[in-house]
PDB file of all heavy atoms in Angstrom:
ATOM      1  N   GLY A   1      -7.399  11.148   9.752  1.00  0.00           N
ATOM      2  CA  GLY A   1      -6.200  10.537   9.079  1.00  0.00           C
ATOM      3  C   GLY A   1      -6.368   9.731   7.914  1.00  0.00           C
ATOM      4  O   GLY A   1      -5.736   9.815   6.878  1.00  0.00           O
ATOM      5  N   LEU A   2      -7.526   8.901   7.993  1.00  0.00           N
ATOM      6  CA  LEU A   2      -7.829   8.002   6.836  1.00  0.00           C
ATOM      7  C   LEU A   2      -8.221   8.922   5.628  1.00  0.00           C
ATOM      8  O   LEU A   2      -7.937   8.498   4.511  1.00  0.00           O
ATOM      9  CB  LEU A   2      -8.950   7.141   7.263  1.00  0.00           C
ATOM     10  CG  LEU A   2      -8.645   5.957   8.192  1.00  0.00           C
ATOM     11  CD1 LEU A   2      -9.851   5.212   8.741  1.00  0.00           C
ATOM     12  CD2 LEU A   2      -7.783   4.982   7.556  1.00  0.00           C
ATOM     13  N   PHE A   3      -9.039   9.904   5.883  1.00  0.00           N
ATOM     14  CA  PHE A   3      -9.506  10.808   4.810  1.00  0.00           C
ATOM     15  C   PHE A   3      -8.203  11.477   4.180  1.00  0.00           C
ATOM     16  O   PHE A   3      -8.210  11.673   2.971  1.00  0.00           O
ATOM     17  CB  PHE A   3     -10.530  11.886   5.291  1.00  0.00           C
ATOM     18  CG  PHE A   3     -11.063  12.640   4.175  1.00  0.00           C
ATOM     19  CD1 PHE A   3     -12.065  12.031   3.324  1.00  0.00           C
ATOM     20  CD2 PHE A   3     -10.594  13.917   3.948  1.00  0.00           C
ATOM     21  CE1 PHE A   3     -12.729  12.772   2.316  1.00  0.00           C
ATOM     22  CE2 PHE A   3     -11.182  14.618   2.796  1.00  0.00           C
ATOM     23  CZ  PHE A   3     -12.286  14.024   2.048  1.00  0.00           C
ATOM     24  N   CYS A   4      -7.352  11.975   5.136  1.00  0.00           N
ATOM     25  CA  CYS A   4      -6.136  12.703   4.490  1.00  0.00           C
ATOM     26  C   CYS A   4      -5.274  11.711   3.688  1.00  0.00           C
ATOM     27  O   CYS A   4      -4.652  12.204   2.681  1.00  0.00           O
ATOM     28  CB  CYS A   4      -5.333  13.258   5.649  1.00  0.00           C
ATOM     29  SG  CYS A   4      -6.179  14.734   6.439  1.00  0.00           S
ATOM     30  N   PHE A   5      -5.274  10.455   4.121  1.00  0.00           N
ATOM     31  CA  PHE A   5      -4.313   9.520   3.428  1.00  0.00           C
ATOM     32  C   PHE A   5      -4.902   8.875   2.165  1.00  0.00           C
ATOM     33  O   PHE A   5      -4.289   8.714   1.208  1.00  0.00           O
ATOM     34  CB  PHE A   5      -3.940   8.457   4.424  1.00  0.00           C
ATOM     35  CG  PHE A   5      -2.738   8.676   5.220  1.00  0.00           C
ATOM     36  CD1 PHE A   5      -2.657   9.522   6.247  1.00  0.00           C
ATOM     37  CD2 PHE A   5      -1.378   8.072   4.995  1.00  0.00           C
ATOM     38  CE1 PHE A   5      -1.492   9.887   7.115  1.00  0.00           C
ATOM     39  CE2 PHE A   5      -0.262   8.218   5.677  1.00  0.00           C
ATOM     40  CZ  PHE A   5      -0.379   9.158   6.746  1.00  0.00           C
ATOM     41  N   PHE A   6      -6.264   8.549   2.385  1.00  0.00           N
ATOM     42  CA  PHE A   6      -6.947   7.779   1.277  1.00  0.00           C
ATOM     43  C   PHE A   6      -8.084   8.436   0.603  1.00  0.00           C
ATOM     44  O   PHE A   6      -8.504   7.847  -0.371  1.00  0.00           O
ATOM     45  CB  PHE A   6      -7.384   6.441   1.817  1.00  0.00           C
ATOM     46  CG  PHE A   6      -6.139   5.689   2.584  1.00  0.00           C
ATOM     47  CD1 PHE A   6      -6.312   5.551   3.935  1.00  0.00           C
ATOM     48  CD2 PHE A   6      -5.202   5.109   1.869  1.00  0.00           C
ATOM     49  CE1 PHE A   6      -5.195   4.884   4.708  1.00  0.00           C
ATOM     50  CE2 PHE A   6      -4.285   4.221   2.640  1.00  0.00           C
ATOM     51  CZ  PHE A   6      -4.306   4.243   4.003  1.00  0.00           C
ATOM     52  N   GLY A   7      -8.424   9.596   1.165  1.00  0.00           N
ATOM     53  CA  GLY A   7      -9.653  10.255   0.567  1.00  0.00           C
ATOM     54  C   GLY A   7     -10.866   9.460   0.943  1.00  0.00           C
ATOM     55  O   GLY A   7     -10.908   8.625   1.833  1.00  0.00           O
ATOM     56  N   LEU A   8     -12.024   9.668   0.221  1.00  0.00           N
ATOM     57  CA  LEU A   8     -13.246   9.040   0.471  1.00  0.00           C
ATOM     58  C   LEU A   8     -13.165   7.790  -0.454  1.00  0.00           C
ATOM     59  O   LEU A   8     -13.733   7.764  -1.545  1.00  0.00           O
ATOM     60  CB  LEU A   8     -14.441   9.941   0.120  1.00  0.00           C
ATOM     61  CG  LEU A   8     -15.751   9.438   0.505  1.00  0.00           C
ATOM     62  CD1 LEU A   8     -15.936   9.267   2.090  1.00  0.00           C
ATOM     63  CD2 LEU A   8     -16.877  10.529   0.116  1.00  0.00           C
ATOM     64  N   SER A   9     -12.700   6.704   0.169  1.00  0.00           N
ATOM     65  CA  SER A   9     -12.490   5.450  -0.619  1.00  0.00           C
ATOM     66  C   SER A   9     -12.796   4.349   0.122  1.00  0.00           C
ATOM     67  O   SER A   9     -13.038   4.399   1.319  1.00  0.00           O
ATOM     68  CB  SER A   9     -10.969   5.459  -1.096  1.00  0.00           C
ATOM     69  OG  SER A   9     -10.150   5.437   0.094  1.00  0.00           O
ATOM     70  N   ALA A  10     -12.656   3.114  -0.522  1.00  0.00           N
ATOM     71  CA  ALA A  10     -13.017   1.899   0.109  1.00  0.00           C
ATOM     72  C   ALA A  10     -11.960   1.661   1.228  1.00  0.00           C
ATOM     73  O   ALA A  10     -12.257   1.038   2.261  1.00  0.00           O
ATOM     74  CB  ALA A  10     -12.894   0.707  -0.793  1.00  0.00           C
ATOM     75  N   GLU A  11     -10.675   2.132   0.978  1.00  0.00           N
ATOM     76  CA  GLU A  11      -9.588   1.870   1.881  1.00  0.00           C
ATOM     77  C   GLU A  11      -9.868   2.628   3.277  1.00  0.00           C
ATOM     78  O   GLU A  11      -9.638   2.115   4.257  1.00  0.00           O
ATOM     79  CB  GLU A  11      -8.313   2.267   1.253  1.00  0.00           C
ATOM     80  CG  GLU A  11      -7.006   1.815   2.083  1.00  0.00           C
ATOM     81  CD  GLU A  11      -6.846   0.439   1.784  1.00  0.00           C
ATOM     82  OE1 GLU A  11      -7.496  -0.202   1.013  1.00  0.00           O
ATOM     83  OE2 GLU A  11      -5.891  -0.170   2.539  1.00  0.00           O
ATOM     84  N   ALA A  12     -10.405   3.847   3.106  1.00  0.00           N
ATOM     85  CA  ALA A  12     -10.855   4.648   4.279  1.00  0.00           C
ATOM     86  C   ALA A  12     -11.826   4.011   5.098  1.00  0.00           C
ATOM     87  O   ALA A  12     -11.875   3.948   6.356  1.00  0.00           O
ATOM     88  CB  ALA A  12     -11.184   6.077   3.863  1.00  0.00           C
ATOM     89  N   ILE A  13     -12.885   3.447   4.360  1.00  0.00           N
ATOM     90  CA  ILE A  13     -13.965   2.678   5.057  1.00  0.00           C
ATOM     91  C   ILE A  13     -13.485   1.562   5.790  1.00  0.00           C
ATOM     92  O   ILE A  13     -13.919   1.186   6.908  1.00  0.00           O
ATOM     93  CB  ILE A  13     -15.114   2.423   4.036  1.00  0.00           C
ATOM     94  CG1 ILE A  13     -15.741   3.755   3.430  1.00  0.00           C
ATOM     95  CG2 ILE A  13     -16.179   1.496   4.541  1.00  0.00           C
ATOM     96  CD1 ILE A  13     -16.719   3.520   2.332  1.00  0.00           C
ATOM     97  N   LYS A  14     -12.639   0.824   5.057  1.00  0.00           N
ATOM     98  CA  LYS A  14     -12.160  -0.398   5.637  1.00  0.00           C
ATOM     99  C   LYS A  14     -11.280  -0.061   6.867  1.00  0.00           C
ATOM    100  O   LYS A  14     -11.319  -0.724   8.022  1.00  0.00           O
ATOM    101  CB  LYS A  14     -11.072  -1.077   4.582  1.00  0.00           C
ATOM    102  CG  LYS A  14     -10.453  -2.479   5.128  1.00  0.00           C
ATOM    103  CD  LYS A  14     -10.031  -3.137   3.930  1.00  0.00           C
ATOM    104  CE  LYS A  14      -8.921  -2.502   3.220  1.00  0.00           C
ATOM    105  NZ  LYS A  14      -8.387  -3.340   2.171  1.00  0.00           N
ATOM    106  N   GLY A  15     -10.569   1.009   6.798  1.00  0.00           N
ATOM    107  CA  GLY A  15      -9.776   1.492   7.988  1.00  0.00           C
ATOM    108  C   GLY A  15     -10.642   1.800   9.275  1.00  0.00           C
ATOM    109  O   GLY A  15     -10.240   1.392  10.365  1.00  0.00           O
ATOM    110  N   ILE A  16     -11.651   2.491   9.054  1.00  0.00           N
ATOM    111  CA  ILE A  16     -12.519   2.886  10.121  1.00  0.00           C
ATOM    112  C   ILE A  16     -13.196   1.696  10.813  1.00  0.00           C
ATOM    113  O   ILE A  16     -13.475   1.646  11.987  1.00  0.00           O
ATOM    114  CB  ILE A  16     -13.521   4.113   9.770  1.00  0.00           C
ATOM    115  CG1 ILE A  16     -13.955   4.713  11.043  1.00  0.00           C
ATOM    116  CG2 ILE A  16     -14.655   3.537   8.940  1.00  0.00           C
ATOM    117  CD1 ILE A  16     -12.837   5.412  11.899  1.00  0.00           C
ATOM    118  N   ILE A  17     -13.686   0.722   9.814  1.00  0.00           N
ATOM    119  CA  ILE A  17     -14.260  -0.488  10.445  1.00  0.00           C
ATOM    120  C   ILE A  17     -13.218  -1.253  11.251  1.00  0.00           C
ATOM    121  O   ILE A  17     -13.555  -1.757  12.388  1.00  0.00           O
ATOM    122  CB  ILE A  17     -14.817  -1.371   9.279  1.00  0.00           C
ATOM    123  CG1 ILE A  17     -16.000  -0.729   8.569  1.00  0.00           C
ATOM    124  CG2 ILE A  17     -15.155  -2.718   9.707  1.00  0.00           C
ATOM    125  CD1 ILE A  17     -16.377  -1.351   7.208  1.00  0.00           C
ATOM    126  N   PHE A  18     -12.011  -1.261  10.785  1.00  0.00           N
ATOM    127  CA  PHE A  18     -11.025  -1.962  11.520  1.00  0.00           C
ATOM    128  C   PHE A  18     -10.774  -1.341  12.816  1.00  0.00           C
ATOM    129  O   PHE A  18     -10.454  -1.982  13.948  1.00  0.00           O
ATOM    130  CB  PHE A  18      -9.690  -1.883  10.633  1.00  0.00           C
ATOM    131  CG  PHE A  18      -8.507  -2.639  11.263  1.00  0.00           C
ATOM    132  CD1 PHE A  18      -8.596  -4.069  11.643  1.00  0.00           C
ATOM    133  CD2 PHE A  18      -7.225  -2.041  11.235  1.00  0.00           C
ATOM    134  CE1 PHE A  18      -7.526  -4.716  12.093  1.00  0.00           C
ATOM    135  CE2 PHE A  18      -6.113  -2.817  11.688  1.00  0.00           C
ATOM    136  CZ  PHE A  18      -6.301  -4.105  12.137  1.00  0.00           C
ATOM    137  N   CYS A  19     -10.683   0.013  12.888  1.00  0.00           N
ATOM    138  CA  CYS A  19     -10.634   0.801  14.152  1.00  0.00           C
ATOM    139  C   CYS A  19     -11.701   0.455  15.090  1.00  0.00           C
ATOM    140  O   CYS A  19     -11.476   0.228  16.295  1.00  0.00           O
ATOM    141  CB  CYS A  19     -10.629   2.281  13.850  1.00  0.00           C
ATOM    142  SG  CYS A  19     -10.593   3.391  15.258  1.00  0.00           S
ATOM    143  N   HIS A  20     -12.981   0.566  14.745  1.00  0.00           N
ATOM    144  CA  HIS A  20     -14.041   0.224  15.498  1.00  0.00           C
ATOM    145  C   HIS A  20     -14.049  -1.086  16.121  1.00  0.00           C
ATOM    146  O   HIS A  20     -14.373  -1.382  17.236  1.00  0.00           O
ATOM    147  CB  HIS A  20     -15.387   0.336  14.718  1.00  0.00           C
ATOM    148  CG  HIS A  20     -15.757   1.810  14.568  1.00  0.00           C
ATOM    149  ND1 HIS A  20     -16.573   2.441  13.527  1.00  0.00           N
ATOM    150  CD2 HIS A  20     -15.428   3.036  15.297  1.00  0.00           C
ATOM    151  CE1 HIS A  20     -16.753   3.653  13.650  1.00  0.00           C
ATOM    152  NE2 HIS A  20     -16.042   4.040  14.747  1.00  0.00           N
ATOM    153  N   ILE A  21     -13.659  -2.083  15.295  1.00  0.00           N
ATOM    154  CA  ILE A  21     -13.638  -3.564  15.756  1.00  0.00           C
ATOM    155  C   ILE A  21     -12.429  -3.633  16.876  1.00  0.00           C
ATOM    156  O   ILE A  21     -12.842  -4.310  17.886  1.00  0.00           O
ATOM    157  CB  ILE A  21     -13.346  -4.523  14.600  1.00  0.00           C
ATOM    158  CG1 ILE A  21     -14.575  -4.548  13.681  1.00  0.00           C
ATOM    159  CG2 ILE A  21     -13.161  -5.988  15.115  1.00  0.00           C
ATOM    160  CD1 ILE A  21     -14.342  -5.269  12.239  1.00  0.00           C
ATOM    161  N   LEU A  22     -11.373  -3.090  16.573  1.00  0.00           N
ATOM    162  CA  LEU A  22     -10.289  -3.214  17.628  1.00  0.00           C
ATOM    163  C   LEU A  22     -10.583  -2.431  18.846  1.00  0.00           C
ATOM    164  O   LEU A  22     -10.182  -2.875  19.913  1.00  0.00           O
ATOM    165  CB  LEU A  22      -9.062  -2.693  16.985  1.00  0.00           C
ATOM    166  CG  LEU A  22      -8.393  -3.527  15.845  1.00  0.00           C
ATOM    167  CD1 LEU A  22      -7.074  -2.815  15.368  1.00  0.00           C
ATOM    168  CD2 LEU A  22      -8.047  -4.958  16.404  1.00  0.00           C
ATOM    169  N   LEU A  23     -11.347  -1.372  18.726  1.00  0.00           N
ATOM    170  CA  LEU A  23     -11.685  -0.591  19.951  1.00  0.00           C
ATOM    171  C   LEU A  23     -12.649  -1.553  20.784  1.00  0.00           C
ATOM    172  O   LEU A  23     -12.602  -1.672  22.015  1.00  0.00           O
ATOM    173  CB  LEU A  23     -12.333   0.692  19.638  1.00  0.00           C
ATOM    174  CG  LEU A  23     -11.413   1.803  19.273  1.00  0.00           C
ATOM    175  CD1 LEU A  23     -12.191   3.119  18.820  1.00  0.00           C
ATOM    176  CD2 LEU A  23     -10.364   2.121  20.347  1.00  0.00           C
ATOM    177  N   THR A  24     -13.629  -2.057  20.040  1.00  0.00           N
ATOM    178  CA  THR A  24     -14.635  -2.884  20.784  1.00  0.00           C
ATOM    179  C   THR A  24     -13.915  -4.188  21.428  1.00  0.00           C
ATOM    180  O   THR A  24     -14.198  -4.522  22.629  1.00  0.00           O
ATOM    181  CB  THR A  24     -15.767  -3.457  19.872  1.00  0.00           C
ATOM    182  OG1 THR A  24     -16.327  -2.293  19.204  1.00  0.00           O
ATOM    183  CG2 THR A  24     -16.787  -4.350  20.491  1.00  0.00           C
TER     184      THR A  24
END
């Protein structure tokens, strides 16, 4: 979803970090 919305960008990287932290 992040790649579709934001492409390979800082926003996508920020989003997956956010996801991993919230899961943990």
